[in-house]
Protein backbone atom coordinates (compact mmCIF):
# COMPACT_ATOMS: atom_id res chain seq x y z
CA MET A 1 17.12 83.37 75.26
CA SER A 2 17.86 83.31 71.56
CA THR A 3 19.04 86.93 71.82
CA LEU A 4 21.50 85.96 74.52
CA LEU A 5 22.81 83.07 72.43
CA THR A 6 23.34 85.32 69.43
CA GLN A 7 25.20 87.89 71.52
CA LEU A 8 27.24 85.33 73.47
CA PRO A 9 30.08 85.15 70.91
CA ALA A 10 30.42 88.93 70.96
CA LEU A 11 30.45 88.99 74.78
CA LEU A 12 33.05 86.21 74.86
CA GLY A 13 35.13 88.13 72.31
CA VAL A 14 35.03 91.26 74.47
CA LEU A 15 35.93 89.23 77.57
CA VAL A 16 38.85 87.48 75.83
CA GLY A 17 40.03 90.78 74.36
CA THR A 18 39.94 92.47 77.77
CA LEU A 19 41.82 89.63 79.44
CA GLY A 20 44.37 89.62 76.61
CA THR A 21 44.92 93.36 76.95
CA ILE A 22 45.36 93.07 80.72
CA LEU A 23 47.82 90.19 80.29
CA ALA A 24 49.83 91.95 77.55
CA THR A 25 49.99 95.19 79.53
CA SER A 26 51.06 93.33 82.65
CA LEU A 27 53.83 91.47 80.78
CA ALA A 28 55.03 94.67 79.09
CA ASP A 29 55.09 96.53 82.42
CA ARG A 30 57.00 93.69 84.06
CA ALA A 31 59.57 93.61 81.23
CA ARG A 32 59.97 97.41 81.40
CA TRP A 33 60.48 97.22 85.19
CA ARG A 34 63.12 94.48 84.79
CA ARG A 35 65.00 96.53 82.19
CA SER A 36 64.84 99.58 84.44
CA GLN A 37 66.18 97.57 87.39
CA SER A 38 68.93 96.07 85.27
CA VAL A 39 70.09 99.50 84.05
CA ARG A 40 69.95 100.86 87.59
CA TRP A 41 72.06 98.02 89.00
CA ASP A 42 74.50 98.21 86.08
CA GLU A 43 75.02 101.91 86.83
CA ARG A 44 75.61 101.18 90.50
CA ARG A 45 77.92 98.27 89.64
CA LEU A 46 79.94 100.57 87.37
CA ASP A 47 80.21 103.12 90.19
CA ALA A 48 81.34 100.41 92.63
CA TYR A 49 83.98 99.14 90.18
CA VAL A 50 85.30 102.65 89.47
CA ASP A 51 85.29 103.71 93.13
CA TYR A 52 87.24 100.62 94.12
CA ALA A 53 89.78 101.14 91.34
CA HIS A 54 90.27 104.77 92.44
CA ALA A 55 90.75 103.73 96.06
CA LEU A 56 93.36 101.12 95.12
CA LYS A 57 95.17 103.53 92.81
CA GLU A 58 95.30 106.08 95.62
CA SER A 59 96.87 103.55 98.00
CA HIS A 60 99.28 102.39 95.33
CA SER A 61 100.29 105.92 94.41
CA VAL A 62 101.12 106.83 98.00
CA ALA A 63 102.99 103.54 98.50
CA LEU A 64 105.02 104.23 95.34
CA ARG A 65 105.97 107.65 96.66
CA LEU A 66 107.04 106.11 99.97
CA THR A 67 109.15 103.47 98.19
CA ALA A 68 110.74 105.77 95.60
CA ASP A 69 114.15 105.33 97.26
CA HIS A 70 113.98 101.55 96.71
CA ARG A 71 113.44 101.91 92.96
CA PRO A 72 116.32 103.21 90.87
CA GLY A 73 115.07 105.53 88.16
CA SER A 74 111.72 106.00 89.89
CA ARG A 75 109.60 108.84 88.60
CA SER A 76 107.54 108.91 91.79
CA HIS A 77 107.99 112.03 93.84
CA PRO A 78 109.22 110.99 97.30
CA ILE A 79 107.00 111.97 100.18
CA ASP A 80 107.76 112.65 103.83
CA ARG A 81 107.42 109.35 105.67
CA GLU A 82 104.99 110.57 108.36
CA GLU A 83 102.79 112.36 105.84
CA GLY A 84 102.91 109.35 103.52
CA LEU A 85 101.94 106.90 106.25
CA ALA A 86 99.02 109.14 107.27
CA ARG A 87 97.84 109.38 103.65
CA LEU A 88 98.23 105.63 103.26
CA ALA A 89 96.02 105.07 106.32
CA GLU A 90 93.36 107.42 104.92
CA ALA A 91 93.47 105.70 101.53
CA ASP A 92 93.17 102.33 103.23
CA ALA A 93 90.09 103.51 105.13
CA ARG A 94 88.45 104.67 101.87
CA ARG A 95 89.34 101.38 100.18
CA THR A 96 87.74 99.43 103.01
CA ILE A 97 84.50 101.37 102.64
CA VAL A 98 84.20 100.99 98.86
CA TRP A 99 85.12 97.31 99.14
CA GLU A 100 81.70 96.72 100.72
CA ASN A 101 79.94 98.18 97.65
CA LEU A 102 82.03 95.98 95.41
CA LEU A 103 81.11 92.90 97.46
CA LEU A 104 77.43 93.82 97.27
CA LEU A 105 77.23 94.66 93.57
CA GLY A 106 80.15 92.91 91.87
CA ASP A 107 80.05 89.52 90.25
CA GLU A 108 82.27 86.72 91.53
CA PRO A 109 85.10 87.01 88.93
CA THR A 110 85.36 90.77 89.44
CA VAL A 111 85.46 90.51 93.23
CA ALA A 112 88.16 87.82 92.96
CA ALA A 113 90.21 89.96 90.56
CA ALA A 114 89.78 92.99 92.85
CA ALA A 115 91.10 90.95 95.78
CA SER A 116 94.13 89.85 93.72
CA TRP A 117 94.89 93.46 92.77
CA ARG A 118 94.47 94.53 96.42
CA ASP A 119 96.82 91.76 97.59
CA ALA A 120 99.48 92.79 95.06
CA ILE A 121 99.25 96.41 96.24
CA TRP A 122 99.45 95.28 99.86
CA GLN A 123 102.91 93.90 99.12
CA VAL A 124 104.04 97.36 98.00
CA GLU A 125 102.35 98.91 101.04
CA ARG A 126 104.18 96.51 103.36
CA LEU A 127 107.46 97.69 101.83
CA ALA A 128 106.32 101.32 102.19
CA ARG A 129 105.46 100.81 105.85
CA GLY A 130 108.78 99.13 106.54
CA ILE A 131 107.17 95.81 107.46
CA VAL A 132 109.31 93.92 104.92
CA GLU A 133 112.71 94.51 103.39
CA ALA A 134 112.94 95.49 99.74
CA PRO A 135 113.08 92.38 97.56
CA PRO A 136 115.97 92.01 95.13
CA ASP A 137 113.64 92.85 92.26
CA VAL A 138 111.14 95.56 93.20
CA ALA A 139 110.24 95.83 89.52
CA GLU A 140 108.79 92.31 89.65
CA MET A 141 106.59 93.35 92.59
CA LEU A 142 105.31 96.31 90.58
CA THR A 143 104.73 94.11 87.54
CA ARG A 144 102.49 91.85 89.65
CA VAL A 145 100.45 94.93 90.62
CA ASP A 146 100.11 95.97 86.97
CA GLU A 147 99.12 92.47 85.86
CA ALA A 148 96.56 92.21 88.66
CA ARG A 149 95.12 95.59 87.64
CA ASP A 150 94.84 94.39 84.05
CA GLY A 151 93.01 91.30 85.29
CA TYR A 152 90.60 93.43 87.30
CA TYR A 153 89.76 95.68 84.36
CA ARG A 154 89.40 92.70 82.02
CA VAL A 155 86.75 90.98 84.18
CA ALA A 156 85.05 94.25 85.23
CA ARG A 157 84.64 95.23 81.58
CA ARG A 158 83.25 91.78 80.81
CA SER A 159 80.85 92.06 83.77
CA LEU A 160 79.56 95.40 82.46
CA GLY A 161 79.38 94.27 78.84
CA VAL A 162 81.99 96.81 77.71
CA ARG A 163 83.43 95.97 74.32
CA GLY A 164 86.41 97.43 72.54
CA GLY A 165 89.27 95.00 72.93
CA SER A 166 92.10 94.85 75.41
CA VAL A 167 93.20 97.84 77.49
CA GLU A 168 95.99 95.97 79.26
CA GLN A 169 98.93 98.10 80.34
CA ALA A 170 101.25 95.69 82.20
CA ALA A 171 103.54 94.92 79.26
CA THR A 172 104.01 98.61 78.43
CA LEU A 173 104.64 99.51 82.06
CA ARG A 174 107.05 96.58 82.48
CA GLN A 175 109.05 97.81 79.49
CA ALA A 176 109.11 101.33 80.94
CA LEU A 177 110.49 99.90 84.21
CA VAL A 178 113.18 98.03 82.32
CA ASP A 179 114.05 101.10 80.26
CA ARG A 180 114.33 103.28 83.39
CA SER A 181 116.40 100.78 85.32
CA THR A 182 118.86 100.28 82.46
CA ALA A 183 119.09 104.04 81.95
CA THR A 184 120.12 104.56 85.59
CA SER A 185 122.44 101.57 85.99
CA PRO A 186 126.10 102.20 85.58
CA GLU A 187 127.63 101.15 82.29
CA VAL A 188 129.57 97.94 82.34
CA PRO A 189 132.85 98.37 80.49
CA ALA A 190 133.34 96.09 77.49
CA ASN A 191 136.01 93.42 77.80
């Protein structure tokens, strides 16, 4: 019995050491798994954000080509109406599909910003499809699209933890619209 009592602290030490090792290994494995999952979902979220942006840009690009006649000084290459409407329908189908990935993987601010950008582009598409008449200031409609796009990229970058400052383009594009429209408007004679 005295032998057992003298060896009891050593046995307890081995038992505590074994349990500690199992616990530490389990916690480390769990943390590694969580990091792996986080990286995997971040990669998929990035893909969803990029795919959605590409789909919207495709729709917008086709709509711009269809509305080139409504925009003095437009640099968009006009497209045959039937071909343009078919391409717009295809782009809309792709956008609808990638929207589901965005809903699944995106955070709330990014999904809201994506919907705002989509709604702004829909206004241009409605003009392209002939559903609405051209507003007096088409440039303002395009500025809303650019501002919505900037908002989308701002929150998507924040969601992904991308640093590097602002990449907003709306102000530059707005100035380019103004420069083009003044370059194509007829000169007003001085009084």
